PDB file of N, CA and C in Angstrom:
ATOM      1  N   MET A   1       0.863  -1.244   0.061  1.00  0.00           N
ATOM      2  CA  MET A   1      -0.114  -0.103   0.113  1.00  0.00           C
ATOM      3  C   MET A   1       0.786   1.112   0.064  1.00  0.00           C
ATOM      4  N   ALA A   2       0.486   2.279  -0.612  1.00  0.00           N
ATOM      5  CA  ALA A   2       1.212   3.523  -0.974  1.00  0.00           C
ATOM      6  C   ALA A   2       0.591   3.995   0.295  1.00  0.00           C
ATOM      7  N   ASP A   3       1.642   4.993   0.820  1.00  0.00           N
ATOM      8  CA  ASP A   3       1.476   5.898   1.681  1.00  0.00           C
ATOM      9  C   ASP A   3       1.160   7.569   1.257  1.00  0.00           C
ATOM     10  N   THR A   4      -0.066   7.967   0.891  1.00  0.00           N
ATOM     11  CA  THR A   4      -0.357   9.197   0.142  1.00  0.00           C
ATOM     12  C   THR A   4       0.032  10.116   0.983  1.00  0.00           C
ATOM     13  N   THR A   5      -0.062  10.285   2.406  1.00  0.00           N
ATOM     14  CA  THR A   5       0.303  11.140   3.460  1.00  0.00           C
ATOM     15  C   THR A   5       1.950  11.895   3.180  1.00  0.00           C
ATOM     16  N   ARG A   6       2.824  11.044   2.495  1.00  0.00           N
ATOM     17  CA  ARG A   6       4.069  11.627   2.250  1.00  0.00           C
ATOM     18  C   ARG A   6       4.471  11.871   0.684  1.00  0.00           C
ATOM     19  N   ARG A   7       3.591  12.066  -0.114  1.00  0.00           N
ATOM     20  CA  ARG A   7       4.005  12.716  -1.181  1.00  0.00           C
ATOM     21  C   ARG A   7       4.501  13.901  -1.499  1.00  0.00           C
ATOM     22  N   SER A   8       5.314  14.616  -2.172  1.00  0.00           N
ATOM     23  CA  SER A   8       5.557  15.937  -2.306  1.00  0.00           C
ATOM     24  C   SER A   8       4.927  17.047  -2.167  1.00  0.00           C
ATOM     25  N   GLY A   9       3.777  17.029  -2.477  1.00  0.00           N
ATOM     26  CA  GLY A   9       2.693  18.032  -2.971  1.00  0.00           C
ATOM     27  C   GLY A   9       1.699  17.985  -1.901  1.00  0.00           C
ATOM     28  N   SER A  10       1.327  16.687  -1.159  1.00  0.00           N
ATOM     29  CA  SER A  10       0.347  16.612  -0.103  1.00  0.00           C
ATOM     30  C   SER A  10       0.423  17.824   0.898  1.00  0.00           C
ATOM     31  N   ARG A  11       1.560  18.059   1.335  1.00  0.00           N
ATOM     32  CA  ARG A  11       1.652  18.970   2.449  1.00  0.00           C
ATOM     33  C   ARG A  11       1.301  20.457   1.963  1.00  0.00           C
ATOM     34  N   ARG A  12       1.618  20.957   0.729  1.00  0.00           N
ATOM     35  CA  ARG A  12       1.336  22.155   0.225  1.00  0.00           C
ATOM     36  C   ARG A  12      -0.047  22.173   0.015  1.00  0.00           C
ATOM     37  N   LEU A  13      -0.509  21.057  -0.571  1.00  0.00           N
ATOM     38  CA  LEU A  13      -2.024  20.879  -0.624  1.00  0.00           C
ATOM     39  C   LEU A  13      -2.735  21.344   0.593  1.00  0.00           C
ATOM     40  N   ALA A  14      -2.526  20.433   1.621  1.00  0.00           N
ATOM     41  CA  ALA A  14      -2.910  20.487   2.800  1.00  0.00           C
ATOM     42  C   ALA A  14      -2.890  22.129   3.509  1.00  0.00           C
ATOM     43  N   ARG A  15      -1.673  22.963   3.424  1.00  0.00           N
ATOM     44  CA  ARG A  15      -1.617  24.036   3.689  1.00  0.00           C
ATOM     45  C   ARG A  15      -2.772  25.100   3.017  1.00  0.00           C
ATOM     46  N   GLU A  16      -2.817  24.981   1.897  1.00  0.00           N
ATOM     47  CA  GLU A  16      -3.943  25.247   0.985  1.00  0.00           C
ATOM     48  C   GLU A  16      -5.289  25.208   1.476  1.00  0.00           C
ATOM     49  N   ARG A  17      -5.561  23.898   1.670  1.00  0.00           N
ATOM     50  CA  ARG A  17      -7.238  23.491   2.213  1.00  0.00           C
ATOM     51  C   ARG A  17      -7.162  24.191   3.589  1.00  0.00           C
ATOM     52  N   ILE A  18      -6.565  24.056   4.408  1.00  0.00           N
ATOM     53  CA  ILE A  18      -6.513  24.627   5.653  1.00  0.00           C
ATOM     54  C   ILE A  18      -7.041  26.095   5.852  1.00  0.00           C
ATOM     55  N   ALA A  19      -6.165  27.031   4.808  1.00  0.00           N
ATOM     56  CA  ALA A  19      -6.398  28.501   4.734  1.00  0.00           C
ATOM     57  C   ALA A  19      -8.004  28.392   4.056  1.00  0.00           C
ATOM     58  N   VAL A  20      -8.090  27.786   3.127  1.00  0.00           N
ATOM     59  CA  VAL A  20      -9.460  27.683   2.390  1.00  0.00           C
ATOM     60  C   VAL A  20     -10.558  27.513   3.561  1.00  0.00           C
ATOM     61  N   LEU A  21     -10.423  26.493   4.604  1.00  0.00           N
ATOM     62  CA  LEU A  21     -11.264  26.375   5.383  1.00  0.00           C
ATOM     63  C   LEU A  21     -11.619  27.280   6.519  1.00  0.00           C
ATOM     64  N   PHE A  22     -10.352  27.923   6.948  1.00  0.00           N
ATOM     65  CA  PHE A  22     -10.507  29.250   7.600  1.00  0.00           C
ATOM     66  C   PHE A  22     -11.136  30.256   7.207  1.00  0.00           C
ATOM     67  N   ALA A  23     -11.147  30.601   6.003  1.00  0.00           N
ATOM     68  CA  ALA A  23     -11.944  31.410   5.210  1.00  0.00           C
ATOM     69  C   ALA A  23     -13.270  31.481   4.991  1.00  0.00           C
ATOM     70  N   ARG A  24     -13.602  30.129   4.746  1.00  0.00           N
ATOM     71  CA  ARG A  24     -15.020  29.659   4.730  1.00  0.00           C
ATOM     72  C   ARG A  24     -15.722  29.681   6.019  1.00  0.00           C
ATOM     73  N   ALA A  25     -14.816  29.506   7.175  1.00  0.00           N
ATOM     74  CA  ALA A  25     -15.291  29.747   8.702  1.00  0.00           C
ATOM     75  C   ALA A  25     -15.586  30.901   8.777  1.00  0.00           C
ATOM     76  N   ALA A  26     -14.916  31.965   8.191  1.00  0.00           N
ATOM     77  CA  ALA A  26     -15.189  33.401   8.502  1.00  0.00           C
ATOM     78  C   ALA A  26     -16.499  33.808   7.845  1.00  0.00           C
ATOM     79  N   GLU A  27     -16.560  33.287   6.558  1.00  0.00           N
ATOM     80  CA  GLU A  27     -17.872  33.574   5.815  1.00  0.00           C
ATOM     81  C   GLU A  27     -19.036  33.190   6.404  1.00  0.00           C
ATOM     82  N   PHE A  28     -19.091  31.853   7.084  1.00  0.00           N
ATOM     83  CA  PHE A  28     -20.382  31.122   7.549  1.00  0.00           C
ATOM     84  C   PHE A  28     -20.597  31.682   8.733  1.00  0.00           C
ATOM     85  N   TYR A  29     -19.676  32.147   9.711  1.00  0.00           N
ATOM     86  CA  TYR A  29     -19.715  32.615  11.340  1.00  0.00           C
ATOM     87  C   TYR A  29     -21.349  33.534  11.286  1.00  0.00           C
ATOM     88  N   PRO A  30     -21.421  34.407  10.592  1.00  0.00           N
ATOM     89  CA  PRO A  30     -22.609  35.305  10.715  1.00  0.00           C
ATOM     90  C   PRO A  30     -24.036  34.310  10.427  1.00  0.00           C
ATOM     91  N   GLU A  31     -24.286  33.616   9.625  1.00  0.00           N
ATOM     92  CA  GLU A  31     -25.204  32.684   9.424  1.00  0.00           C
ATOM     93  C   GLU A  31     -25.332  31.547  10.396  1.00  0.00           C
ATOM     94  N   ASN A  32     -24.131  30.803  10.410  1.00  0.00           N
ATOM     95  CA  ASN A  32     -24.295  29.591  11.511  1.00  0.00           C
ATOM     96  C   ASN A  32     -22.898  29.251  12.185  1.00  0.00           C
ATOM     97  N   PRO A  33     -22.688  29.728  13.535  1.00  0.00           N
ATOM     98  CA  PRO A  33     -21.638  29.484  13.966  1.00  0.00           C
ATOM     99  C   PRO A  33     -21.012  27.976  14.073  1.00  0.00           C
ATOM    100  N   GLY A  34     -22.006  27.132  13.967  1.00  0.00           N
ATOM    101  CA  GLY A  34     -21.864  25.552  14.049  1.00  0.00           C
ATOM    102  C   GLY A  34     -21.064  25.225  12.904  1.00  0.00           C
ATOM    103  N   TRP A  35     -21.245  25.599  11.595  1.00  0.00           N
ATOM    104  CA  TRP A  35     -20.593  25.307  10.398  1.00  0.00           C
ATOM    105  C   TRP A  35     -19.175  25.860  10.803  1.00  0.00           C
ATOM    106  N   SER A  36     -18.999  27.030  11.259  1.00  0.00           N
ATOM    107  CA  SER A  36     -17.648  27.665  11.547  1.00  0.00           C
ATOM    108  C   SER A  36     -16.860  26.616  12.247  1.00  0.00           C
ATOM    109  N   ASN A  37     -17.497  26.082  13.233  1.00  0.00           N
ATOM    110  CA  ASN A  37     -16.776  25.278  14.175  1.00  0.00           C
ATOM    111  C   ASN A  37     -16.412  23.981  13.455  1.00  0.00           C
ATOM    112  N   ARG A  38     -17.182  23.634  12.744  1.00  0.00           N
ATOM    113  CA  ARG A  38     -17.056  22.423  11.822  1.00  0.00           C
ATOM    114  C   ARG A  38     -15.852  22.588  10.863  1.00  0.00           C
ATOM    115  N   CYS A  39     -15.614  23.730  10.205  1.00  0.00           N
ATOM    116  CA  CYS A  39     -14.451  24.073   9.475  1.00  0.00           C
ATOM    117  C   CYS A  39     -13.383  24.051  10.164  1.00  0.00           C
ATOM    118  N   VAL A  40     -13.319  24.704  11.458  1.00  0.00           N
ATOM    119  CA  VAL A  40     -12.112  24.294  12.354  1.00  0.00           C
ATOM    120  C   VAL A  40     -11.644  22.912  12.532  1.00  0.00           C
ATOM    121  N   GLU A  41     -12.666  22.075  13.084  1.00  0.00           N
ATOM    122  CA  GLU A  41     -12.792  20.703  13.137  1.00  0.00           C
ATOM    123  C   GLU A  41     -11.850  20.032  12.057  1.00  0.00           C
ATOM    124  N   LEU A  42     -12.278  20.474  10.572  1.00  0.00           N
ATOM    125  CA  LEU A  42     -11.764  19.911   9.372  1.00  0.00           C
ATOM    126  C   LEU A  42     -10.539  20.381   9.458  1.00  0.00           C
ATOM    127  N   ALA A  43     -10.187  21.515   9.393  1.00  0.00           N
ATOM    128  CA  ALA A  43      -8.840  21.882   9.393  1.00  0.00           C
ATOM    129  C   ALA A  43      -7.895  21.333  10.154  1.00  0.00           C
ATOM    130  N   ARG A  44      -8.200  21.225  11.427  1.00  0.00           N
ATOM    131  CA  ARG A  44      -7.173  20.553  12.340  1.00  0.00           C
ATOM    132  C   ARG A  44      -7.033  19.118  11.988  1.00  0.00           C
ATOM    133  N   ARG A  45      -8.281  18.446  11.513  1.00  0.00           N
ATOM    134  CA  ARG A  45      -7.835  16.919  11.038  1.00  0.00           C
ATOM    135  C   ARG A  45      -6.745  17.020  10.202  1.00  0.00           C
ATOM    136  N   ILE A  46      -6.957  17.784   8.796  1.00  0.00           N
ATOM    137  CA  ILE A  46      -6.111  17.708   7.895  1.00  0.00           C
ATOM    138  C   ILE A  46      -4.883  18.056   8.280  1.00  0.00           C
ATOM    139  N   GLY A  47      -4.549  19.122   9.227  1.00  0.00           N
ATOM    140  CA  GLY A  47      -3.025  19.097   9.795  1.00  0.00           C
ATOM    141  C   GLY A  47      -2.687  18.165  10.468  1.00  0.00           C
ATOM    142  N   MET A  48      -3.339  17.531  11.197  1.00  0.00           N
ATOM    143  CA  MET A  48      -2.919  16.314  11.903  1.00  0.00           C
ATOM    144  C   MET A  48      -2.590  15.078  10.826  1.00  0.00           C
ATOM    145  N   ARG A  49      -3.376  15.015  10.128  1.00  0.00           N
ATOM    146  CA  ARG A  49      -3.363  13.884   9.111  1.00  0.00           C
ATOM    147  C   ARG A  49      -1.787  13.986   8.231  1.00  0.00           C
ATOM    148  N   HIS A  50      -1.631  15.086   7.749  1.00  0.00           N
ATOM    149  CA  HIS A  50      -0.483  15.382   6.826  1.00  0.00           C
ATOM    150  C   HIS A  50       0.537  16.105   7.696  1.00  0.00           C
ATOM    151  N   ARG A  51       0.272  16.195   9.068  1.00  0.00           N
ATOM    152  CA  ARG A  51       1.382  16.715  10.131  1.00  0.00           C
ATOM    153  C   ARG A  51       1.988  17.903   9.322  1.00  0.00           C
ATOM    154  N   VAL A  52       0.994  19.030   9.124  1.00  0.00           N
ATOM    155  CA  VAL A  52       1.437  20.236   8.958  1.00  0.00           C
ATOM    156  C   VAL A  52       0.887  21.153  10.092  1.00  0.00           C
ATOM    157  N   ARG A  53       1.760  22.090  10.409  1.00  0.00           N
ATOM    158  CA  ARG A  53       1.332  23.221  11.300  1.00  0.00           C
ATOM    159  C   ARG A  53       0.275  24.322  10.937  1.00  0.00           C
ATOM    160  N   ILE A  54      -0.524  24.343  11.889  1.00  0.00           N
ATOM    161  CA  ILE A  54      -1.383  25.597  11.316  1.00  0.00           C
ATOM    162  C   ILE A  54      -0.983  26.856  11.525  1.00  0.00           C
ATOM    163  N   GLU A  55      -0.862  27.732  10.817  1.00  0.00           N
ATOM    164  CA  GLU A  55       0.088  29.039  10.786  1.00  0.00           C
ATOM    165  C   GLU A  55      -0.515  29.810  12.119  1.00  0.00           C
ATOM    166  N   ARG A  56       0.373  30.606  12.558  1.00  0.00           N
ATOM    167  CA  ARG A  56       0.161  31.355  13.984  1.00  0.00           C
ATOM    168  C   ARG A  56      -1.113  32.233  13.763  1.00  0.00           C
ATOM    169  N   PRO A  57      -1.466  33.179  12.441  1.00  0.00           N
ATOM    170  CA  PRO A  57      -2.637  33.788  12.507  1.00  0.00           C
ATOM    171  C   PRO A  57      -3.634  33.071  12.729  1.00  0.00           C
ATOM    172  N   LEU A  58      -3.721  31.594  11.868  1.00  0.00           N
ATOM    173  CA  LEU A  58      -5.312  30.951  11.795  1.00  0.00           C
ATOM    174  C   LEU A  58      -5.198  30.248  13.303  1.00  0.00           C
ATOM    175  N   LYS A  59      -4.132  30.102  13.997  1.00  0.00           N
ATOM    176  CA  LYS A  59      -4.080  29.092  15.213  1.00  0.00           C
ATOM    177  C   LYS A  59      -5.095  30.221  16.336  1.00  0.00           C
ATOM    178  N   ARG A  60      -4.881  31.099  15.898  1.00  0.00           N
ATOM    179  CA  ARG A  60      -5.270  32.319  16.882  1.00  0.00           C
ATOM    180  C   ARG A  60      -6.827  32.408  16.869  1.00  0.00           C
ATOM    181  N   ARG A  61      -7.580  32.201  15.908  1.00  0.00           N
ATOM    182  CA  ARG A  61      -8.793  32.235  15.487  1.00  0.00           C
ATOM    183  C   ARG A  61      -9.518  31.108  15.967  1.00  0.00           C
ATOM    184  N   PHE A  62      -9.095  30.098  16.737  1.00  0.00           N
ATOM    185  CA  PHE A  62      -9.995  29.194  17.721  1.00  0.00           C
ATOM    186  C   PHE A  62      -9.638  29.062  18.782  1.00  0.00           C
ATOM    187  N   CYS A  63     -10.354  28.543  19.740  1.00  0.00           N
ATOM    188  CA  CYS A  63     -10.155  28.075  21.125  1.00  0.00           C
ATOM    189  C   CYS A  63      -9.343  26.888  21.215  1.00  0.00           C
ATOM    190  N   ARG A  64      -8.323  26.618  22.079  1.00  0.00           N
ATOM    191  CA  ARG A  64      -7.487  25.573  22.022  1.00  0.00           C
ATOM    192  C   ARG A  64      -8.198  24.355  23.156  1.00  0.00           C
ATOM    193  N   ARG A  65      -9.312  24.817  23.904  1.00  0.00           N
ATOM    194  CA  ARG A  65      -9.983  23.912  24.674  1.00  0.00           C
ATOM    195  C   ARG A  65     -11.365  23.216  23.743  1.00  0.00           C
ATOM    196  N   CYS A  66     -12.223  24.358  23.406  1.00  0.00           N
ATOM    197  CA  CYS A  66     -13.446  23.692  22.795  1.00  0.00           C
ATOM    198  C   CYS A  66     -13.501  23.672  21.478  1.00  0.00           C
ATOM    199  N   TYR A  67     -12.307  24.224  20.851  1.00  0.00           N
ATOM    200  CA  TYR A  67     -12.210  24.405  19.335  1.00  0.00           C
ATOM    201  C   TYR A  67     -13.081  25.120  18.671  1.00  0.00           C
ATOM    202  N   ALA A  68     -13.652  26.364  19.371  1.00  0.00           N
ATOM    203  CA  ALA A  68     -14.888  26.978  18.586  1.00  0.00           C
ATOM    204  C   ALA A  68     -14.083  28.158  17.831  1.00  0.00           C
ATOM    205  N   TYR A  69     -14.646  28.362  16.564  1.00  0.00           N
ATOM    206  CA  TYR A  69     -14.237  29.560  15.978  1.00  0.00           C
ATOM    207  C   TYR A  69     -14.360  30.860  16.690  1.00  0.00           C
ATOM    208  N   LEU A  70     -13.303  31.609  16.751  1.00  0.00           N
ATOM    209  CA  LEU A  70     -13.307  32.953  17.603  1.00  0.00           C
ATOM    210  C   LEU A  70     -13.572  34.032  16.907  1.00  0.00           C
ATOM    211  N   VAL A  71     -14.748  35.016  17.162  1.00  0.00           N
ATOM    212  CA  VAL A  71     -14.849  36.374  16.621  1.00  0.00           C
ATOM    213  C   VAL A  71     -14.964  37.282  17.748  1.00  0.00           C
ATOM    214  N   PRO A  72     -13.862  38.011  17.634  1.00  0.00           N
ATOM    215  CA  PRO A  72     -13.942  39.281  18.910  1.00  0.00           C
ATOM    216  C   PRO A  72     -15.290  40.183  18.903  1.00  0.00           C
ATOM    217  N   GLY A  73     -15.704  40.292  19.939  1.00  0.00           N
ATOM    218  CA  GLY A  73     -16.785  41.119  20.259  1.00  0.00           C
ATOM    219  C   GLY A  73     -18.141  40.025  20.173  1.00  0.00           C
ATOM    220  N   SER A  74     -17.969  38.815  19.691  1.00  0.00           N
ATOM    221  CA  SER A  74     -19.270  38.163  19.384  1.00  0.00           C
ATOM    222  C   SER A  74     -19.257  36.788  20.097  1.00  0.00           C
ATOM    223  N   ASN A  75     -18.171  36.066  20.331  1.00  0.00           N
ATOM    224  CA  ASN A  75     -17.996  34.817  21.086  1.00  0.00           C
ATOM    225  C   ASN A  75     -16.491  34.862  22.039  1.00  0.00           C
ATOM    226  N   ALA A  76     -16.041  36.034  21.634  1.00  0.00           N
ATOM    227  CA  ALA A  76     -14.424  35.966  22.536  1.00  0.00           C
ATOM    228  C   ALA A  76     -14.468  37.369  22.715  1.00  0.00           C
ATOM    229  N   ARG A  77     -13.771  37.721  23.750  1.00  0.00           N
ATOM    230  CA  ARG A  77     -13.185  38.938  24.525  1.00  0.00           C
ATOM    231  C   ARG A  77     -11.809  38.929  24.857  1.00  0.00           C
ATOM    232  N   VAL A  78     -11.516  40.170  24.224  1.00  0.00           N
ATOM    233  CA  VAL A  78      -9.929  40.526  23.736  1.00  0.00           C
ATOM    234  C   VAL A  78      -9.771  41.621  24.628  1.00  0.00           C
ATOM    235  N   ARG A  79      -8.520  41.630  25.364  1.00  0.00           N
ATOM    236  CA  ARG A  79      -8.171  42.529  26.426  1.00  0.00           C
ATOM    237  C   ARG A  79      -6.696  42.565  26.264  1.00  0.00           C
ATOM    238  N   VAL A  80      -6.110  43.849  26.721  1.00  0.00           N
ATOM    239  CA  VAL A  80      -4.650  43.997  26.733  1.00  0.00           C
ATOM    240  C   VAL A  80      -4.785  43.925  28.309  1.00  0.00           C
ATOM    241  N   HIS A  81      -3.594  43.091  29.080  1.00  0.00           N
ATOM    242  CA  HIS A  81      -3.362  43.081  30.455  1.00  0.00           C
ATOM    243  C   HIS A  81      -1.905  42.635  30.525  1.00  0.00           C
ATOM    244  N   ARG A  82      -1.447  43.635  31.216  1.00  0.00           N
ATOM    245  CA  ARG A  82       0.198  43.688  31.377  1.00  0.00           C
ATOM    246  C   ARG A  82       1.317  43.080  30.469  1.00  0.00           C
ATOM    247  N   GLY A  83       0.969  43.627  29.185  1.00  0.00           N
ATOM    248  CA  GLY A  83       1.786  43.089  28.137  1.00  0.00           C
ATOM    249  C   GLY A  83       1.433  42.212  27.270  1.00  0.00           C
ATOM    250  N   ARG A  84       0.430  41.867  27.705  1.00  0.00           N
ATOM    251  CA  ARG A  84      -0.246  40.547  26.700  1.00  0.00           C
ATOM    252  C   ARG A  84      -1.673  40.799  26.338  1.00  0.00           C
ATOM    253  N   VAL A  85      -2.037  40.088  24.996  1.00  0.00           N
ATOM    254  CA  VAL A  85      -3.324  40.179  24.760  1.00  0.00           C
ATOM    255  C   VAL A  85      -3.767  38.984  25.363  1.00  0.00           C
ATOM    256  N   VAL A  86      -5.062  39.082  26.279  1.00  0.00           N
ATOM    257  CA  VAL A  86      -5.635  38.022  26.551  1.00  0.00           C
ATOM    258  C   VAL A  86      -6.777  38.034  25.608  1.00  0.00           C
ATOM    259  N   VAL A  87      -7.265  36.626  25.132  1.00  0.00           N
ATOM    260  CA  VAL A  87      -8.369  36.447  24.476  1.00  0.00           C
ATOM    261  C   VAL A  87      -9.332  35.379  25.189  1.00  0.00           C
ATOM    262  N   THR A  88     -10.515  35.796  25.836  1.00  0.00           N
ATOM    263  CA  THR A  88     -11.176  34.749  26.394  1.00  0.00           C
ATOM    264  C   THR A  88     -12.592  33.920  25.505  1.00  0.00           C
ATOM    265  N   CYS A  89     -12.547  32.806  25.729  1.00  0.00           N
ATOM    266  CA  CYS A  89     -13.475  32.422  24.806  1.00  0.00           C
ATOM    267  C   CYS A  89     -14.795  32.507  25.725  1.00  0.00           C
ATOM    268  N   LEU A  90     -15.858  32.915  25.145  1.00  0.00           N
ATOM    269  CA  LEU A  90     -17.032  33.041  25.867  1.00  0.00           C
ATOM    270  C   LEU A  90     -17.987  31.648  26.119  1.00  0.00           C
ATOM    271  N   ALA A  91     -17.674  30.746  25.115  1.00  0.00           N
ATOM    272  CA  ALA A  91     -18.082  29.483  25.264  1.00  0.00           C
ATOM    273  C   ALA A  91     -17.560  28.624  26.225  1.00  0.00           C
ATOM    274  N   CYS A  92     -16.683  28.519  26.410  1.00  0.00           N
ATOM    275  CA  CYS A  92     -15.914  27.615  27.415  1.00  0.00           C
ATOM    276  C   CYS A  92     -15.098  28.277  28.766  1.00  0.00           C
ATOM    277  N   GLY A  93     -14.733  29.599  28.432  1.00  0.00           N
ATOM    278  CA  GLY A  93     -14.186  30.368  29.455  1.00  0.00           C
ATOM    279  C   GLY A  93     -12.705  30.141  29.273  1.00  0.00           C
ATOM    280  N   HIS A  94     -12.220  29.582  28.288  1.00  0.00           N
ATOM    281  CA  HIS A  94     -10.749  29.601  28.326  1.00  0.00           C
ATOM    282  C   HIS A  94     -10.057  30.675  28.179  1.00  0.00           C
ATOM    283  N   ARG A  95      -8.975  31.218  28.498  1.00  0.00           N
ATOM    284  CA  ARG A  95      -8.116  32.171  28.304  1.00  0.00           C
ATOM    285  C   ARG A  95      -6.750  31.956  27.790  1.00  0.00           C
ATOM    286  N   SER A  96      -6.487  32.538  26.499  1.00  0.00           N
ATOM    287  CA  SER A  96      -5.205  32.261  25.787  1.00  0.00           C
ATOM    288  C   SER A  96      -4.469  33.864  25.913  1.00  0.00           C
ATOM    289  N   ARG A  97      -3.465  33.802  26.162  1.00  0.00           N
ATOM    290  CA  ARG A  97      -2.444  34.834  26.341  1.00  0.00           C
ATOM    291  C   ARG A  97      -1.267  34.795  25.235  1.00  0.00           C
ATOM    292  N   PHE A  98      -1.302  35.776  24.830  1.00  0.00           N
ATOM    293  CA  PHE A  98      -0.246  36.133  23.779  1.00  0.00           C
ATOM    294  C   PHE A  98       0.438  37.199  24.099  1.00  0.00           C
ATOM    295  N   PRO A  99       1.933  37.396  23.915  1.00  0.00           N
ATOM    296  CA  PRO A  99       2.586  38.791  24.351  1.00  0.00           C
ATOM    297  C   PRO A  99       2.666  39.514  23.102  1.00  0.00           C
ATOM    298  N   VAL A 100       2.357  40.859  23.486  1.00  0.00           N
ATOM    299  CA  VAL A 100       2.435  41.902  22.654  1.00  0.00           C
ATOM    300  C   VAL A 100       4.214  42.178  22.315  1.00  0.00           C
ATOM    301  N   GLY A 101       3.925  42.054  20.956  1.00  0.00           N
ATOM    302  CA  GLY A 101       5.375  42.455  20.413  1.00  0.00           C
ATOM    303  C   GLY A 101       5.711  43.782  20.451  1.00  0.00           C
ATOM    304  N   ARG A 102       7.290  43.963  20.344  1.00  0.00           N
ATOM    305  CA  ARG A 102       7.849  45.037  20.440  1.00  0.00           C
ATOM    306  C   ARG A 102       7.820  45.477  19.112  1.00  0.00           C
ATOM    307  N   PRO A 103       7.512  46.982  18.785  1.00  0.00           N
ATOM    308  CA  PRO A 103       7.544  47.325  17.310  1.00  0.00           C
ATOM    309  C   PRO A 103       8.974  47.208  16.616  1.00  0.00           C
ATOM    310  N   GLN A 104       9.007  46.586  15.249  1.00  0.00           N
ATOM    311  CA  GLN A 104      10.194  46.501  14.546  1.00  0.00           C
ATOM    312  C   GLN A 104      10.807  47.969  14.567  1.00  0.00           C
ATOM    313  N   GLU A 105      12.165  47.980  14.833  1.00  0.00           N
ATOM    314  CA  GLU A 105      12.889  49.360  14.241  1.00  0.00           C
ATOM    315  C   GLU A 105      13.627  49.216  13.165  1.00  0.00           C
TER     316      GLU A 105
END
């Protein structure tokens, strides 16, 4: 049996599919947040199957505990506290903390 996950183009294709799924999640959110959560679930599965990391900007768009697609002001609270951005998921209450970067000189 051939292992299709290790072909040269499969990882590139997986990254593209993950990006498309996150774009679809943004489109679907106002109509049906459940569809957005499903897009996040599918993107995570594709990433795990092909051993591809989800890029940092995309990774910050979903909750790491309940995997809900996060939209600031709707189901996520964003605050700046002591040099960190704190994103609180309003579905499960999980807090993600990201350092505020220094400006590049």
